[in-house]
Amino acid sequence: MAVTTAAVIGAAAAVGGALADNKNAKASIKSQENQKAASQKFIEDQVKQARADIFKLYPDAQKSRQQGLSASLNLTQQAFPQMLNTFQQGNVAAQNQLIQGLPQMNNAILGGPLQQQPFTASTIQQPGLQIPQQPEFQQINQLGLGSG
């Protein structure tokens, strides 16, 4: 009988342990579900905040892009005529060198005396560019991000 009593007590202890383990498992699952819900809410809040920040930043980004494009076009507008002028001066100087060399070529072909003086180099005027004022951009901490 002592063996039977010990078996009944052991079985009751096993059933009690299983019930306690089942309660702990359910509590653990409930805790994980609560953590998952909190994490999902946090992520959703962060997504909403990011969208709000994007909507705040988009007009400033467009303005910055437009300012940069305008500065680039202004610089090109100033540089293009000066580049053409420099190119034209170089072209005219090259033509003048060819013209100065014609008598030498005639003398060489016809057997005349050649002059040994060097040709004079041409100086091309290159005016400096006036670089336009660069656009002023806002600092990120001045944009009021993350405040809903």
N, C-alpha and C. Protein backbone atom coordinates (compact mmCIF):
# COMPACT_ATOMS: atom_id res chain seq x y z
N MET A 1 0.79 -1.17 0.00
CA MET A 1 0.00 0.00 0.00
C MET A 1 0.85 1.27 0.00
N ALA A 2 1.97 1.20 0.61
CA ALA A 2 2.86 2.35 0.66
C ALA A 2 3.35 2.70 -0.74
N VAL A 3 3.53 1.67 -1.55
CA VAL A 3 3.99 1.91 -2.90
C VAL A 3 2.89 2.61 -3.69
N THR A 4 1.65 2.17 -3.50
CA THR A 4 0.53 2.77 -4.21
C THR A 4 0.34 4.21 -3.78
N THR A 5 0.47 4.46 -2.48
CA THR A 5 0.31 5.82 -1.98
C THR A 5 1.41 6.71 -2.56
N ALA A 6 2.62 6.21 -2.61
CA ALA A 6 3.73 6.98 -3.16
C ALA A 6 3.49 7.25 -4.63
N ALA A 7 2.91 6.28 -5.35
CA ALA A 7 2.64 6.47 -6.78
C ALA A 7 1.56 7.52 -6.98
N VAL A 8 0.52 7.49 -6.12
CA VAL A 8 -0.57 8.47 -6.23
C VAL A 8 -0.03 9.87 -5.91
N ILE A 9 0.80 9.98 -4.88
CA ILE A 9 1.37 11.27 -4.51
C ILE A 9 2.28 11.77 -5.63
N GLY A 10 3.07 10.88 -6.21
CA GLY A 10 3.96 11.25 -7.33
C GLY A 10 3.15 11.70 -8.53
N ALA A 11 2.05 10.99 -8.82
CA ALA A 11 1.21 11.36 -9.97
C ALA A 11 0.56 12.71 -9.72
N ALA A 12 0.10 12.96 -8.49
CA ALA A 12 -0.52 14.25 -8.16
C ALA A 12 0.51 15.37 -8.27
N ALA A 13 1.72 15.11 -7.83
CA ALA A 13 2.77 16.12 -7.93
C ALA A 13 3.09 16.41 -9.40
N ALA A 14 3.09 15.37 -10.23
CA ALA A 14 3.37 15.55 -11.66
C ALA A 14 2.26 16.36 -12.32
N VAL A 15 0.99 16.04 -11.95
CA VAL A 15 -0.14 16.79 -12.51
C VAL A 15 -0.08 18.25 -12.05
N GLY A 16 0.24 18.47 -10.77
CA GLY A 16 0.37 19.83 -10.24
C GLY A 16 1.49 20.58 -10.93
N GLY A 17 2.59 19.92 -11.16
CA GLY A 17 3.73 20.54 -11.85
C GLY A 17 3.37 20.89 -13.29
N ALA A 18 2.63 19.99 -13.94
CA ALA A 18 2.23 20.24 -15.33
C ALA A 18 1.28 21.43 -15.40
N LEU A 19 0.35 21.52 -14.44
CA LEU A 19 -0.57 22.66 -14.42
C LEU A 19 0.18 23.97 -14.18
N ALA A 20 1.13 23.93 -13.24
CA ALA A 20 1.92 25.14 -12.97
C ALA A 20 2.75 25.52 -14.19
N ASP A 21 3.32 24.53 -14.85
CA ASP A 21 4.10 24.79 -16.06
C ASP A 21 3.21 25.36 -17.17
N ASN A 22 1.99 24.83 -17.30
CA ASN A 22 1.04 25.34 -18.29
C ASN A 22 0.68 26.79 -18.00
N LYS A 23 0.47 27.13 -16.71
CA LYS A 23 0.17 28.52 -16.34
C LYS A 23 1.35 29.44 -16.67
N ASN A 24 2.56 28.98 -16.38
CA ASN A 24 3.75 29.77 -16.69
C ASN A 24 3.92 29.96 -18.20
N ALA A 25 3.64 28.92 -18.96
CA ALA A 25 3.75 29.01 -20.42
C ALA A 25 2.73 30.02 -20.95
N LYS A 26 1.49 29.96 -20.43
CA LYS A 26 0.47 30.92 -20.88
C LYS A 26 0.86 32.35 -20.50
N ALA A 27 1.42 32.53 -19.32
CA ALA A 27 1.85 33.86 -18.89
C ALA A 27 3.00 34.36 -19.77
N SER A 28 3.91 33.45 -20.12
CA SER A 28 5.03 33.82 -20.98
C SER A 28 4.54 34.21 -22.38
N ILE A 29 3.59 33.45 -22.89
CA ILE A 29 3.03 33.76 -24.21
C ILE A 29 2.32 35.11 -24.17
N LYS A 30 1.56 35.34 -23.12
CA LYS A 30 0.85 36.62 -22.99
C LYS A 30 1.85 37.78 -22.92
N SER A 31 2.94 37.60 -22.18
CA SER A 31 3.97 38.63 -22.08
C SER A 31 4.61 38.90 -23.44
N GLN A 32 4.90 37.86 -24.20
CA GLN A 32 5.47 38.02 -25.54
C GLN A 32 4.50 38.73 -26.47
N GLU A 33 3.21 38.39 -26.37
CA GLU A 33 2.21 39.07 -27.21
C GLU A 33 2.13 40.56 -26.87
N ASN A 34 2.21 40.86 -25.56
CA ASN A 34 2.18 42.27 -25.15
C ASN A 34 3.42 43.02 -25.67
N GLN A 35 4.58 42.38 -25.59
CA GLN A 35 5.80 43.00 -26.11
C GLN A 35 5.73 43.20 -27.62
N LYS A 36 5.17 42.21 -28.32
CA LYS A 36 5.02 42.31 -29.77
C LYS A 36 4.08 43.47 -30.12
N ALA A 37 2.98 43.60 -29.40
CA ALA A 37 2.03 44.69 -29.66
C ALA A 37 2.68 46.04 -29.39
N ALA A 38 3.45 46.12 -28.31
CA ALA A 38 4.14 47.38 -27.99
C ALA A 38 5.17 47.71 -29.07
N SER A 39 5.90 46.71 -29.55
CA SER A 39 6.89 46.93 -30.60
C SER A 39 6.21 47.39 -31.90
N GLN A 40 5.09 46.76 -32.24
CA GLN A 40 4.38 47.15 -33.45
C GLN A 40 3.86 48.58 -33.34
N LYS A 41 3.34 48.95 -32.17
CA LYS A 41 2.86 50.32 -31.98
C LYS A 41 4.02 51.30 -32.09
N PHE A 42 5.17 50.97 -31.51
CA PHE A 42 6.34 51.84 -31.60
C PHE A 42 6.76 52.03 -33.06
N ILE A 43 6.79 50.93 -33.82
CA ILE A 43 7.17 51.01 -35.24
C ILE A 43 6.18 51.86 -36.01
N GLU A 44 4.89 51.66 -35.77
CA GLU A 44 3.87 52.46 -36.45
C GLU A 44 4.01 53.94 -36.11
N ASP A 45 4.29 54.24 -34.84
CA ASP A 45 4.49 55.64 -34.44
C ASP A 45 5.71 56.24 -35.14
N GLN A 46 6.78 55.45 -35.25
CA GLN A 46 7.98 55.94 -35.91
C GLN A 46 7.75 56.17 -37.40
N VAL A 47 6.96 55.29 -38.03
CA VAL A 47 6.64 55.46 -39.45
C VAL A 47 5.84 56.75 -39.65
N LYS A 48 4.86 56.99 -38.78
CA LYS A 48 4.08 58.22 -38.87
C LYS A 48 4.97 59.44 -38.68
N GLN A 49 5.90 59.37 -37.73
CA GLN A 49 6.81 60.48 -37.49
C GLN A 49 7.72 60.71 -38.70
N ALA A 50 8.19 59.62 -39.29
CA ALA A 50 9.06 59.75 -40.47
C ALA A 50 8.29 60.39 -41.63
N ARG A 51 7.05 59.99 -41.80
CA ARG A 51 6.25 60.60 -42.87
C ARG A 51 6.05 62.08 -42.59
N ALA A 52 5.79 62.42 -41.35
CA ALA A 52 5.61 63.84 -41.00
C ALA A 52 6.90 64.62 -41.28
N ASP A 53 8.05 64.02 -40.95
CA ASP A 53 9.33 64.68 -41.21
C ASP A 53 9.56 64.85 -42.71
N ILE A 54 9.19 63.85 -43.49
CA ILE A 54 9.37 63.95 -44.94
C ILE A 54 8.53 65.09 -45.48
N PHE A 55 7.30 65.19 -45.00
CA PHE A 55 6.43 66.26 -45.50
C PHE A 55 6.96 67.63 -45.10
N LYS A 56 7.65 67.71 -43.96
CA LYS A 56 8.27 68.98 -43.56
C LYS A 56 9.49 69.29 -44.42
N LEU A 57 10.26 68.26 -44.77
CA LEU A 57 11.52 68.46 -45.47
C LEU A 57 11.36 68.62 -46.98
N TYR A 58 10.31 68.09 -47.55
CA TYR A 58 10.18 68.10 -49.01
C TYR A 58 10.21 69.51 -49.60
N PRO A 59 9.46 70.48 -49.06
CA PRO A 59 9.54 71.83 -49.65
C PRO A 59 10.94 72.44 -49.54
N ASP A 60 11.61 72.21 -48.41
CA ASP A 60 12.97 72.73 -48.26
C ASP A 60 13.93 72.05 -49.24
N ALA A 61 13.73 70.76 -49.48
CA ALA A 61 14.58 70.06 -50.44
C ALA A 61 14.35 70.60 -51.84
N GLN A 62 13.11 70.86 -52.19
CA GLN A 62 12.81 71.43 -53.50
C GLN A 62 13.44 72.82 -53.64
N LYS A 63 13.34 73.62 -52.58
CA LYS A 63 13.91 74.97 -52.59
C LYS A 63 15.43 74.88 -52.74
N SER A 64 16.07 73.97 -52.02
CA SER A 64 17.53 73.80 -52.10
C SER A 64 17.93 73.36 -53.50
N ARG A 65 17.18 72.44 -54.07
CA ARG A 65 17.48 71.98 -55.42
C ARG A 65 17.37 73.13 -56.42
N GLN A 66 16.32 73.93 -56.28
CA GLN A 66 16.12 75.05 -57.20
C GLN A 66 17.23 76.11 -57.03
N GLN A 67 17.63 76.36 -55.79
CA GLN A 67 18.71 77.33 -55.56
C GLN A 67 20.02 76.84 -56.18
N GLY A 68 20.31 75.56 -56.02
CA GLY A 68 21.53 75.00 -56.60
C GLY A 68 21.51 75.05 -58.12
N LEU A 69 20.36 74.74 -58.70
CA LEU A 69 20.23 74.78 -60.15
C LEU A 69 20.38 76.22 -60.65
N SER A 70 19.78 77.17 -59.97
CA SER A 70 19.89 78.58 -60.37
C SER A 70 21.34 79.06 -60.28
N ALA A 71 22.04 78.69 -59.21
CA ALA A 71 23.45 79.08 -59.07
C ALA A 71 24.29 78.47 -60.19
N SER A 72 24.00 77.23 -60.54
CA SER A 72 24.74 76.57 -61.62
C SER A 72 24.48 77.26 -62.96
N LEU A 73 23.23 77.59 -63.22
CA LEU A 73 22.91 78.28 -64.48
C LEU A 73 23.53 79.67 -64.53
N ASN A 74 23.55 80.38 -63.41
CA ASN A 74 24.17 81.70 -63.37
C ASN A 74 25.67 81.61 -63.67
N LEU A 75 26.32 80.62 -63.09
CA LEU A 75 27.75 80.45 -63.33
C LEU A 75 28.02 80.11 -64.79
N THR A 76 27.20 79.24 -65.35
CA THR A 76 27.35 78.89 -66.76
C THR A 76 27.10 80.10 -67.65
N GLN A 77 26.11 80.89 -67.30
CA GLN A 77 25.80 82.09 -68.07
C GLN A 77 26.98 83.07 -68.07
N GLN A 78 27.67 83.18 -66.95
CA GLN A 78 28.83 84.06 -66.88
C GLN A 78 30.03 83.46 -67.61
N ALA A 79 30.21 82.15 -67.51
CA ALA A 79 31.41 81.51 -68.04
C ALA A 79 31.37 81.33 -69.55
N PHE A 80 30.20 81.08 -70.11
CA PHE A 80 30.12 80.73 -71.53
C PHE A 80 30.65 81.84 -72.45
N PRO A 81 30.23 83.09 -72.29
CA PRO A 81 30.79 84.13 -73.17
C PRO A 81 32.30 84.28 -73.00
N GLN A 82 32.79 84.13 -71.80
CA GLN A 82 34.23 84.26 -71.57
C GLN A 82 34.99 83.11 -72.21
N MET A 83 34.41 81.91 -72.15
CA MET A 83 35.06 80.77 -72.82
C MET A 83 35.11 80.98 -74.32
N LEU A 84 34.02 81.46 -74.90
CA LEU A 84 34.00 81.72 -76.34
C LEU A 84 35.00 82.81 -76.72
N ASN A 85 35.11 83.84 -75.89
CA ASN A 85 36.06 84.91 -76.16
C ASN A 85 37.50 84.39 -76.13
N THR A 86 37.81 83.58 -75.15
CA THR A 86 39.16 83.00 -75.04
C THR A 86 39.44 82.10 -76.25
N PHE A 87 38.47 81.29 -76.62
CA PHE A 87 38.62 80.42 -77.79
C PHE A 87 38.87 81.25 -79.05
N GLN A 88 38.12 82.34 -79.21
CA GLN A 88 38.27 83.20 -80.39
C GLN A 88 39.66 83.85 -80.40
N GLN A 89 40.12 84.31 -79.26
CA GLN A 89 41.46 84.92 -79.19
C GLN A 89 42.52 83.91 -79.59
N GLY A 90 42.39 82.67 -79.13
CA GLY A 90 43.36 81.63 -79.49
C GLY A 90 43.32 81.31 -80.96
N ASN A 91 42.13 81.30 -81.54
CA ASN A 91 41.98 81.03 -82.96
C ASN A 91 42.64 82.13 -83.79
N VAL A 92 42.37 83.39 -83.42
CA VAL A 92 42.98 84.53 -84.13
C VAL A 92 44.50 84.50 -83.99
N ALA A 93 45.00 84.18 -82.81
CA ALA A 93 46.45 84.11 -82.60
C ALA A 93 47.07 83.01 -83.46
N ALA A 94 46.38 81.87 -83.57
CA ALA A 94 46.90 80.78 -84.41
C ALA A 94 46.93 81.20 -85.87
N GLN A 95 45.88 81.89 -86.33
CA GLN A 95 45.87 82.36 -87.72
C GLN A 95 47.00 83.37 -87.97
N ASN A 96 47.25 84.25 -87.01
CA ASN A 96 48.34 85.22 -87.15
C ASN A 96 49.70 84.52 -87.24
N GLN A 97 49.87 83.45 -86.48
CA GLN A 97 51.14 82.70 -86.55
C GLN A 97 51.31 82.07 -87.93
N LEU A 98 50.21 81.55 -88.46
CA LEU A 98 50.29 80.97 -89.81
C LEU A 98 50.64 82.04 -90.83
N ILE A 99 50.02 83.21 -90.69
CA ILE A 99 50.30 84.31 -91.62
C ILE A 99 51.75 84.75 -91.51
N GLN A 100 52.28 84.83 -90.31
CA GLN A 100 53.69 85.22 -90.12
C GLN A 100 54.63 84.17 -90.69
N GLY A 101 54.20 82.94 -90.74
CA GLY A 101 55.06 81.87 -91.27
C GLY A 101 55.03 81.74 -92.77
N LEU A 102 54.08 82.38 -93.45
CA LEU A 102 53.99 82.24 -94.91
C LEU A 102 55.25 82.72 -95.63
N PRO A 103 55.82 83.88 -95.30
CA PRO A 103 57.06 84.27 -96.00
C PRO A 103 58.19 83.25 -95.80
N GLN A 104 58.26 82.67 -94.62
CA GLN A 104 59.30 81.66 -94.35
C GLN A 104 59.08 80.43 -95.24
N MET A 105 57.81 80.03 -95.39
CA MET A 105 57.52 78.87 -96.23
C MET A 105 57.86 79.18 -97.69
N ASN A 106 57.53 80.38 -98.15
CA ASN A 106 57.88 80.76 -99.53
C ASN A 106 59.38 80.75 -99.74
N ASN A 107 60.11 81.33 -98.79
CA ASN A 107 61.57 81.34 -98.91
C ASN A 107 62.13 79.92 -98.92
N ALA A 108 61.58 79.04 -98.09
CA ALA A 108 62.07 77.67 -98.03
C ALA A 108 61.79 76.94 -99.34
N ILE A 109 60.62 77.17 -99.92
CA ILE A 109 60.27 76.50 -101.18
C ILE A 109 61.09 77.06 -102.34
N LEU A 110 61.26 78.39 -102.36
CA LEU A 110 61.94 79.03 -103.49
C LEU A 110 63.45 79.14 -103.31
N GLY A 111 63.95 78.68 -102.17
CA GLY A 111 65.39 78.69 -101.95
C GLY A 111 65.90 80.01 -101.44
N GLY A 112 65.06 80.85 -100.91
CA GLY A 112 65.48 82.14 -100.37
C GLY A 112 66.06 81.99 -98.98
N PRO A 113 66.59 83.09 -98.44
CA PRO A 113 67.18 83.02 -97.09
C PRO A 113 66.08 82.86 -96.02
N LEU A 114 66.38 82.05 -95.01
CA LEU A 114 65.44 81.84 -93.90
C LEU A 114 65.86 82.70 -92.72
N GLN A 115 64.91 83.29 -92.09
CA GLN A 115 65.20 84.08 -90.89
C GLN A 115 65.12 83.14 -89.68
N GLN A 116 66.09 83.28 -88.81
CA GLN A 116 66.17 82.36 -87.68
C GLN A 116 65.54 82.91 -86.40
N GLN A 117 64.85 84.04 -86.49
CA GLN A 117 64.24 84.57 -85.27
C GLN A 117 63.01 83.74 -84.93
N PRO A 118 62.76 83.57 -83.64
CA PRO A 118 61.57 82.80 -83.25
C PRO A 118 60.31 83.64 -83.43
N PHE A 119 59.24 82.97 -83.62
CA PHE A 119 57.97 83.65 -83.69
C PHE A 119 57.57 84.13 -82.29
N THR A 120 56.87 85.23 -82.25
CA THR A 120 56.46 85.75 -80.94
C THR A 120 55.18 85.06 -80.48
N ALA A 121 55.15 84.75 -79.24
CA ALA A 121 53.97 84.09 -78.66
C ALA A 121 52.87 85.12 -78.45
N SER A 122 51.68 84.66 -78.49
CA SER A 122 50.53 85.54 -78.26
C SER A 122 50.03 85.35 -76.84
N THR A 123 49.63 86.44 -76.25
CA THR A 123 49.05 86.38 -74.91
C THR A 123 47.54 86.50 -75.03
N ILE A 124 46.86 85.59 -74.41
CA ILE A 124 45.39 85.58 -74.46
C ILE A 124 44.87 86.07 -73.12
N GLN A 125 43.97 87.03 -73.19
CA GLN A 125 43.39 87.59 -71.97
C GLN A 125 42.30 86.64 -71.45
N GLN A 126 42.41 86.28 -70.19
CA GLN A 126 41.42 85.41 -69.58
C GLN A 126 40.82 86.13 -68.36
N PRO A 127 39.67 86.74 -68.54
CA PRO A 127 39.06 87.44 -67.41
C PRO A 127 38.61 86.44 -66.34
N GLY A 128 38.67 86.87 -65.11
CA GLY A 128 38.26 86.00 -64.02
C GLY A 128 36.74 85.93 -63.90
N LEU A 129 36.27 84.81 -63.41
CA LEU A 129 34.83 84.63 -63.19
C LEU A 129 34.46 85.19 -61.83
N GLN A 130 33.30 85.76 -61.76
CA GLN A 130 32.77 86.17 -60.47
C GLN A 130 31.79 85.09 -60.03
N ILE A 131 32.22 84.30 -59.07
CA ILE A 131 31.40 83.19 -58.61
C ILE A 131 30.24 83.74 -57.80
N PRO A 132 29.01 83.35 -58.14
CA PRO A 132 27.85 83.88 -57.42
C PRO A 132 27.81 83.38 -55.98
N GLN A 133 27.08 84.10 -55.17
CA GLN A 133 26.89 83.72 -53.76
C GLN A 133 26.23 82.34 -53.68
N GLN A 134 26.82 81.49 -52.89
CA GLN A 134 26.25 80.16 -52.73
C GLN A 134 24.99 80.23 -51.87
N PRO A 135 23.99 79.39 -52.15
CA PRO A 135 22.76 79.44 -51.37
C PRO A 135 23.00 79.05 -49.91
N GLU A 136 22.23 79.66 -49.03
CA GLU A 136 22.30 79.34 -47.61
C GLU A 136 21.29 78.23 -47.31
N PHE A 137 21.74 77.17 -46.70
CA PHE A 137 20.86 76.06 -46.35
C PHE A 137 20.64 76.06 -44.84
N GLN A 138 19.48 75.56 -44.43
CA GLN A 138 19.16 75.48 -43.01
C GLN A 138 19.90 74.31 -42.37
N GLN A 139 20.24 74.49 -41.11
CA GLN A 139 20.80 73.38 -40.34
C GLN A 139 19.68 72.41 -40.02
N ILE A 140 20.02 71.15 -39.90
CA ILE A 140 18.98 70.13 -39.66
C ILE A 140 18.29 70.37 -38.31
N ASN A 141 19.03 70.80 -37.30
CA ASN A 141 18.40 70.98 -36.00
C ASN A 141 17.47 72.20 -35.99
N GLN A 142 17.48 73.03 -37.04
CA GLN A 142 16.58 74.18 -37.12
C GLN A 142 15.27 73.81 -37.83
N LEU A 143 15.16 72.60 -38.33
CA LEU A 143 13.98 72.23 -39.11
C LEU A 143 12.82 71.74 -38.26
N GLY A 144 13.03 71.50 -36.97
CA GLY A 144 11.94 71.07 -36.09
C GLY A 144 11.47 69.66 -36.36
N LEU A 145 12.40 68.77 -36.66
CA LEU A 145 12.00 67.39 -36.93
C LEU A 145 11.75 66.64 -35.64
N GLY A 146 10.92 65.62 -35.75
CA GLY A 146 10.65 64.75 -34.61
C GLY A 146 9.72 65.33 -33.58
N SER A 147 9.06 66.44 -33.90
CA SER A 147 8.18 67.04 -32.90
C SER A 147 6.71 66.94 -33.34
N GLY A 148 6.40 65.88 -34.07
CA GLY A 148 5.01 65.62 -34.45
C GLY A 148 4.57 66.50 -35.51
